[in-house]
C-alpha cells in the first residue's frame, strides 16, 4: 500500500463491460506519469476535479508490464500540504550543460546564412531560449518533462553530427540546422507545466506545420536568404516524421531529411524504451508494449 500526493493530470468517468462506473486517472509527480484506477466510487472517495492535487491511498500492481495504482481512498489536498514544483517531472541532466553542448555542435555550421538563422533563435532570442530550455518534447510518450525538448534535440543533433561524419553525401550545415529546428513547433503545440497538454493551436495545426512556419518567418528577416536553402530546411522539418500517416506533410526527398527522420525516430524510441524500463520493477519480461508492438524483456545482467 502507498499513501501519496499527486497532481491529477487527467480524469475520465468510464464504465466496465458489466456497466459499473469507475474513474481512470493519470497522476503526475516529479518522476512522471502514473496510470490509476478507482474501481469503487463509494465511501472514502472525495469529490475532485482534473488538475487538482489529491492525496491517495492504494496499491500498485503490474498491468500489461506497467505499474498501475488501484486507489482505495482519496481526498483533495489542502493548500500548504504540497509544493507544486514537486509535481513537475524534470530532466535528470543539467540544463545549462546540455544547452552549451547543443550550441557547440551548432557551431560546426559554416554557411553564413544558416549560421545567421540559427543564431537568430538560439543565441539572440532570449525569450525563445528560455522557453526552449524548459519545454517538454511530448505530452506522455517520450521526453515529457521539463527540459525534455532540449534533451531530445541534443540527442538528435548528436546522431546527425555522427551521420554527417559517416556519410559524406550529407550536408552537415543543412542537417544540423534542420535538427535544431525540427521540433521547435512544440513550443506552440504544448502548453507549459503543470498542464503540458495540447493547445487549441497545437490540436488544429500540429508542431510540424507550426515549426516550419516559425522558421520560414525568421528567414524572411535575414536579407538575401537563399530561396533554395530555405526550401530545403523547411522540407526537412516537414518530412521529419518520415511517413504521411505519422503526421509528416511530405516524405523525405533529400538525404538530409531521411537522416533527420532516422535520428529523430532513434532518439524518441530509445527514450521511450528507457522510460518504460525505469517505470517497472519487473526483473524479466515486462509484457506486451503497444508502443513497440512487442513483448519486452529487460536485458540480462552479465558478469554480476
Protein backbone atom coordinates (compact mmCIF):
# COMPACT_ATOMS: atom_id res chain seq x y z
CA UNK A 1 0.00 0.00 0.00
CA UNK A 2 1.12 3.56 -0.69
CA UNK A 3 -0.09 6.89 0.63
CA UNK A 4 1.00 9.76 -1.62
CA UNK A 5 0.01 13.14 -3.08
CA UNK A 6 -0.24 13.61 -6.85
CA UNK A 7 -1.43 16.11 -9.41
CA UNK A 8 -4.42 14.65 -11.23
CA UNK A 9 -3.49 15.31 -14.87
CA UNK A 10 -6.49 13.51 -16.36
CA UNK A 11 -9.81 12.19 -15.05
CA UNK A 12 -12.18 10.06 -17.11
CA UNK A 13 -15.52 8.65 -15.95
CA UNK A 14 -15.91 5.26 -17.63
CA UNK A 15 -17.93 2.05 -17.39
CA UNK A 16 -16.78 -1.55 -17.17
CA UNK A 17 -18.17 -4.14 -19.57
CA UNK A 18 -20.62 -5.02 -16.81
CA UNK A 19 -21.86 -1.42 -16.71
CA UNK A 20 -20.19 -0.41 -13.41
CA UNK A 21 -18.90 3.18 -13.16
CA UNK A 22 -15.22 3.79 -12.45
CA UNK A 23 -12.58 6.53 -12.82
CA UNK A 24 -9.47 6.25 -14.97
CA UNK A 25 -6.78 8.74 -13.93
CA UNK A 26 -3.36 9.93 -14.97
CA UNK A 27 -1.41 11.09 -11.92
CA UNK A 28 1.76 13.18 -12.07
CA UNK A 29 4.67 13.82 -9.75
CA UNK A 30 8.33 14.67 -10.33
CA UNK A 31 9.09 11.15 -11.54
CA UNK A 32 6.50 11.22 -14.33
CA UNK A 33 3.02 9.90 -15.07
CA UNK A 34 1.25 7.03 -13.30
CA UNK A 35 -1.88 5.26 -14.54
CA UNK A 36 -4.50 4.89 -11.79
CA UNK A 37 -7.98 3.46 -11.41
CA UNK A 38 -10.78 3.93 -8.87
CA UNK A 39 -12.98 0.87 -9.19
CA UNK A 40 -15.17 1.59 -6.15
CA UNK A 41 -16.62 5.12 -6.19
CA UNK A 42 -18.32 4.79 -2.83
CA UNK A 43 -17.20 5.84 0.66
CA UNK A 44 -13.65 7.10 1.03
CA UNK A 45 -13.51 8.81 -2.38
CA UNK A 46 -13.98 12.59 -2.03
CA UNK A 47 -15.09 14.80 -4.93
CA UNK A 48 -12.18 16.10 -7.01
CA UNK A 49 -11.52 17.55 -10.46
CA UNK A 50 -8.83 17.28 -13.08
CA UNK A 51 -5.69 19.43 -12.44
CA UNK A 52 -6.24 19.33 -8.67
CA UNK A 53 -3.79 17.93 -6.13
CA UNK A 54 -5.08 14.81 -4.43
CA UNK A 55 -3.87 12.51 -1.65
CA UNK A 56 -4.49 8.86 -2.37
CA UNK A 57 -4.13 5.52 -0.59
CA UNK A 58 -3.91 2.46 -2.75
CA UNK A 59 -1.98 -0.49 -4.09
CA UNK A 60 0.39 -0.55 -7.06
CA UNK A 61 0.02 -3.58 -9.33
CA UNK A 62 1.57 -4.53 -12.67
CA UNK A 63 -0.81 -4.29 -15.63
CA UNK A 64 0.49 -5.26 -19.10
CA UNK A 65 4.03 -4.73 -17.86
CA UNK A 66 3.44 -1.22 -16.49
CA UNK A 67 2.61 -0.04 -12.96
CA UNK A 68 -1.00 0.80 -12.20
CA UNK A 69 -2.31 2.28 -8.96
CA UNK A 70 -5.62 0.94 -7.65
CA UNK A 71 -6.95 3.69 -5.39
CA UNK A 72 -8.89 2.76 -2.25
CA UNK A 73 -9.19 6.19 -0.61
CA UNK A 74 -8.85 9.72 -1.99
CA UNK A 75 -9.15 13.26 -0.68
CA UNK A 76 -8.36 16.68 -2.14
CA UNK A 77 -5.07 18.04 -0.82
CA UNK A 78 -5.22 21.33 1.02
CA UNK A 79 -3.09 24.36 0.18
CA UNK A 80 0.14 24.20 2.15
CA UNK A 81 0.25 20.39 2.07
CA UNK A 82 2.18 20.31 -1.20
CA UNK A 83 4.75 22.24 -3.23
CA UNK A 84 3.68 22.49 -6.91
CA UNK A 85 7.31 22.28 -8.05
CA UNK A 86 7.42 18.73 -6.64
CA UNK A 87 4.89 17.62 -9.24
CA UNK A 88 6.67 18.76 -12.40
CA UNK A 89 8.80 15.99 -13.92
CA UNK A 90 12.23 17.34 -14.83
CA UNK A 91 15.18 16.08 -16.82
CA UNK A 92 17.82 14.44 -14.64
CA UNK A 93 20.51 16.14 -16.69
CA UNK A 94 21.94 19.65 -16.21
CA UNK A 95 20.07 22.08 -18.48
CA UNK A 96 22.96 24.57 -18.69
CA UNK A 97 25.41 21.85 -19.70
CA UNK A 98 23.04 20.43 -22.31
CA UNK A 99 22.49 23.86 -23.85
CA UNK A 100 26.22 24.55 -24.03
CA UNK A 101 26.72 21.19 -25.75
CA UNK A 102 23.90 21.95 -28.20
CA UNK A 103 25.43 25.31 -29.13
CA UNK A 104 28.87 23.72 -29.51
CA UNK A 105 27.55 21.24 -32.08
CA UNK A 106 25.63 24.02 -33.84
CA UNK A 107 28.95 25.87 -34.03
CA UNK A 108 30.03 23.38 -36.72
CA UNK A 109 27.63 25.05 -39.17
CA UNK A 110 29.70 27.10 -41.60
CA UNK A 111 27.33 28.71 -44.11
CA UNK A 112 26.82 32.37 -43.09
CA UNK A 113 23.10 32.40 -43.86
CA UNK A 114 22.50 29.18 -41.96
CA UNK A 115 24.58 30.47 -39.04
CA UNK A 116 22.58 33.71 -39.00
CA UNK A 117 19.30 31.76 -38.94
CA UNK A 118 20.45 29.51 -36.09
CA UNK A 119 21.86 32.46 -34.15
CA UNK A 120 18.63 34.43 -34.51
CA UNK A 121 16.86 31.74 -32.47
CA UNK A 122 19.44 30.07 -30.23
CA UNK A 123 21.79 32.99 -29.45
CA UNK A 124 19.88 36.25 -29.85
CA UNK A 125 16.25 35.45 -28.98
CA UNK A 126 16.31 35.34 -25.18
CA UNK A 127 12.56 34.67 -24.85
CA UNK A 128 12.80 31.72 -27.26
CA UNK A 129 15.88 30.34 -25.49
CA UNK A 130 14.24 30.46 -22.06
CA UNK A 131 11.15 28.64 -23.34
CA UNK A 132 13.14 26.08 -25.37
CA UNK A 133 15.37 25.15 -22.43
CA UNK A 134 12.46 24.27 -20.15
CA UNK A 135 9.79 22.92 -22.52
CA UNK A 136 8.80 19.28 -22.87
CA UNK A 137 9.05 17.35 -26.13
CA UNK A 138 5.80 15.40 -25.71
CA UNK A 139 2.68 15.03 -23.61
CA UNK A 140 3.38 11.47 -22.46
CA UNK A 141 5.29 9.20 -24.87
CA UNK A 142 8.92 10.40 -24.62
CA UNK A 143 10.78 13.35 -23.10
CA UNK A 144 7.53 14.54 -21.49
CA UNK A 145 9.27 16.57 -18.79
CA UNK A 146 10.84 19.98 -18.16
CA UNK A 147 13.97 20.15 -20.29
CA UNK A 148 12.70 17.31 -22.50
CA UNK A 149 12.70 19.34 -25.72
CA UNK A 150 16.31 20.38 -25.15
CA UNK A 151 17.37 16.84 -24.21
CA UNK A 152 15.67 15.35 -27.28
CA UNK A 153 17.03 17.98 -29.66
CA UNK A 154 20.54 17.44 -28.31
CA UNK A 155 20.18 13.69 -28.80
CA UNK A 156 19.04 14.20 -32.40
CA UNK A 157 21.87 16.68 -33.02
CA UNK A 158 24.49 14.18 -31.80
CA UNK A 159 23.12 11.45 -34.06
CA UNK A 160 23.02 13.82 -37.03
CA UNK A 161 26.55 15.02 -36.38
CA UNK A 162 27.71 11.40 -36.35
CA UNK A 163 25.88 10.65 -39.60
CA UNK A 164 27.45 13.69 -41.26
CA UNK A 165 30.85 12.22 -40.39
CA UNK A 166 29.88 8.75 -41.57
CA UNK A 167 28.14 9.67 -44.85
CA UNK A 168 29.85 12.34 -46.99
CA UNK A 169 26.72 12.67 -49.14
CA UNK A 170 25.13 14.63 -46.28
CA UNK A 171 25.38 18.40 -45.93
CA UNK A 172 26.34 18.94 -42.29
CA UNK A 173 25.06 22.53 -42.38
CA UNK A 174 21.61 21.56 -43.61
CA UNK A 175 21.34 18.50 -41.39
CA UNK A 176 22.42 20.19 -38.15
CA UNK A 177 20.29 23.27 -38.73
CA UNK A 178 17.24 21.13 -39.52
CA UNK A 179 17.87 19.02 -36.42
CA UNK A 180 17.93 22.16 -34.29
CA UNK A 181 14.63 23.38 -35.73
CA UNK A 182 12.75 20.12 -36.25
CA UNK A 183 10.66 20.28 -33.05
CA UNK A 184 10.53 23.98 -32.17
CA UNK A 185 6.83 23.93 -33.03
CA UNK A 186 6.38 22.03 -29.76
CA UNK A 187 6.67 25.42 -28.03
CA UNK A 188 3.26 26.26 -29.51
CA UNK A 189 1.78 22.77 -29.71
CA UNK A 190 2.09 22.01 -25.98
CA UNK A 191 1.28 24.19 -23.01
CA UNK A 192 3.76 24.60 -20.18
CA UNK A 193 3.69 22.59 -16.97
CA UNK A 194 1.77 21.65 -14.94
CA UNK A 195 -0.73 21.21 -17.80
CA UNK A 196 1.73 20.07 -20.52
CA UNK A 197 -1.25 19.43 -22.78
CA UNK A 198 -2.15 20.20 -26.38
CA UNK A 199 -3.13 23.80 -27.08
CA UNK A 200 -6.01 24.63 -29.42
CA UNK A 201 -3.42 25.74 -31.98
CA UNK A 202 -1.50 22.52 -31.46
CA UNK A 203 -4.58 20.38 -31.98
CA UNK A 204 -5.56 22.23 -35.16
CA UNK A 205 -2.18 22.70 -36.81
CA UNK A 206 0.44 20.47 -35.16
CA UNK A 207 4.07 21.15 -34.32
CA UNK A 208 5.45 20.23 -37.75
CA UNK A 209 3.49 22.93 -39.57
CA UNK A 210 3.96 25.49 -36.81
CA UNK A 211 7.70 24.86 -36.59
CA UNK A 212 8.09 25.25 -40.35
CA UNK A 213 6.12 28.50 -40.16
CA UNK A 214 8.28 29.85 -37.32
CA UNK A 215 11.48 29.16 -39.25
CA UNK A 216 10.06 30.48 -42.53
CA UNK A 217 9.06 33.77 -40.91
CA UNK A 218 12.54 34.19 -39.39
CA UNK A 219 14.20 33.51 -42.77
CA UNK A 220 12.32 36.47 -44.22
CA UNK A 221 14.05 38.73 -41.68
CA UNK A 222 17.53 37.76 -42.93
CA UNK A 223 18.47 39.82 -46.03
CA UNK A 224 19.02 37.79 -49.21
CA UNK A 225 18.45 34.42 -47.52
CA UNK A 226 18.75 31.92 -50.42
CA UNK A 227 15.40 30.51 -51.51
CA UNK A 228 16.80 27.06 -52.34
CA UNK A 229 18.35 26.81 -48.88
CA UNK A 230 15.09 27.95 -47.31
CA UNK A 231 13.13 25.31 -49.22
CA UNK A 232 15.50 22.54 -48.15
CA UNK A 233 15.41 23.45 -44.45
CA UNK A 234 11.62 23.68 -44.48
CA UNK A 235 11.39 20.36 -46.33
CA UNK A 236 13.49 18.63 -43.67
CA UNK A 237 11.19 19.97 -40.95
CA UNK A 238 8.04 18.94 -42.84
CA UNK A 239 9.38 15.44 -43.53
CA UNK A 240 10.99 14.62 -40.20
CA UNK A 241 8.28 12.12 -39.14
CA UNK A 242 9.04 10.17 -42.29
CA UNK A 243 5.57 8.97 -43.26
CA UNK A 244 2.31 10.71 -44.09
CA UNK A 245 0.44 8.55 -41.57
CA UNK A 246 2.81 9.74 -38.85
CA UNK A 247 1.91 13.38 -39.45
CA UNK A 248 4.54 14.47 -41.97
CA UNK A 249 3.06 16.58 -44.80
CA UNK A 250 5.94 15.35 -47.00
CA UNK A 251 8.02 12.17 -47.17
CA UNK A 252 11.81 12.66 -47.18
CA UNK A 253 13.08 13.70 -50.62
CA UNK A 254 16.58 14.78 -49.51
CA UNK A 255 19.30 12.67 -47.93
CA UNK A 256 19.35 15.12 -45.00
CA UNK A 257 15.60 14.76 -44.50
CA UNK A 258 15.99 10.98 -44.38
CA UNK A 259 18.89 11.23 -41.92
CA UNK A 260 16.89 13.60 -39.71
CA UNK A 261 13.90 11.25 -39.70
CA UNK A 262 16.13 8.32 -38.68
CA UNK A 263 17.83 10.33 -35.92
CA UNK A 264 14.53 11.67 -34.58
CA UNK A 265 12.94 8.22 -34.54
CA UNK A 266 16.00 6.62 -32.94
CA UNK A 267 16.20 9.13 -30.09
CA UNK A 268 12.45 9.03 -29.47
CA UNK A 269 12.25 5.21 -29.48
CA UNK A 270 15.30 4.74 -27.25
CA UNK A 271 13.99 7.28 -24.74
CA UNK A 272 10.59 5.58 -24.78
CA UNK A 273 12.27 2.26 -24.00
CA UNK A 274 14.37 3.91 -21.29
CA UNK A 275 11.30 5.39 -19.61
CA UNK A 276 9.48 2.06 -19.87
CA UNK A 277 12.31 0.19 -18.14
CA UNK A 278 12.61 2.85 -15.46
CA UNK A 279 8.88 2.66 -14.72
CA UNK A 280 8.87 -1.07 -13.93
CA UNK A 281 10.47 -3.13 -11.18
CA UNK A 282 10.00 -6.35 -13.15
CA UNK A 283 13.31 -8.23 -13.48
CA UNK A 284 12.41 -10.17 -16.64
CA UNK A 285 9.56 -9.83 -19.11
CA UNK A 286 7.53 -6.61 -18.91
CA UNK A 287 4.68 -7.90 -21.06
CA UNK A 288 3.25 -6.66 -24.35
CA UNK A 289 4.01 -3.00 -25.05
CA UNK A 290 1.73 -1.29 -27.57
CA UNK A 291 4.29 1.37 -28.49
CA UNK A 292 6.71 -1.32 -29.66
CA UNK A 293 4.11 -3.89 -30.75
CA UNK A 294 6.20 -6.44 -28.89
CA UNK A 295 6.60 -8.31 -25.63
CA UNK A 296 9.55 -6.57 -23.94
CA UNK A 297 12.18 -8.06 -21.64
CA UNK A 298 14.87 -6.45 -19.52
CA UNK A 299 18.40 -7.35 -20.64
CA UNK A 300 20.28 -9.98 -18.61
CA UNK A 301 22.92 -8.68 -16.18
CA UNK A 302 26.15 -10.27 -17.39
CA UNK A 303 29.17 -10.59 -15.11
CA UNK A 304 27.30 -9.81 -11.91
